[in-house]
Amino acid sequence: MNFVIGSTRAGLQLKRAIIDYLVKQGHQIEDVGMKDEANFVPYHIAAANVASLISQGKYEKGIVICGTGAGSAIVANKFKGVYAVHCTNSFEAKKASAINNANVLVLAEWLTPANHAFEIINDWLSTPFGSGFEEEWQKFLANCIDEIKDMENKNFK
């Protein structure tokens, strides 16, 4: 799978570990955030860079890393078609995929060690939308996503 990823200074070390991890698994990564300490990219720009490429349909999945995850999630969700979720554990990541069809994962370097982040990413990627729910509930969830898209069409100009 091809990913877009970005971070600010507070997520730089975790981002480097995640890129190495995903590349070793055979994924392709485009880094649109801060790449080294000398070239600062603020969290709102890194998150916007990732979310913009997801919104344009250039990537299916994106990852944003900052210090707490809060600001990056706020910014990423300002883009149409972006469903960014800040996850601190595997349960949240599984449910974000199964229930919300989240296409952007936000991680917090100050809260999440690399090995934990790898587990979160694996669970986020390996859990399909609707997974673990009965057919009737899967239809309900799909309808929710359709209604959210309608809200986006009304609210995002």
Foldseek 3Di string as FASTA:
>chain_A
DEEEEEEFPQFAVLVVLVVVVVVVVVYHYHYPYDHDPVDGDDLLRRLLVRLVCCLVVVDQAYEYEYAAQVVSQVNSVVGQPAAEDEDLAQVVLLCCAQQVVHRYYYYHSNRHDNVRVVSNVVSNVPRHHNPPHDPVVSVVSVVVNVVVNVVCVVPPD
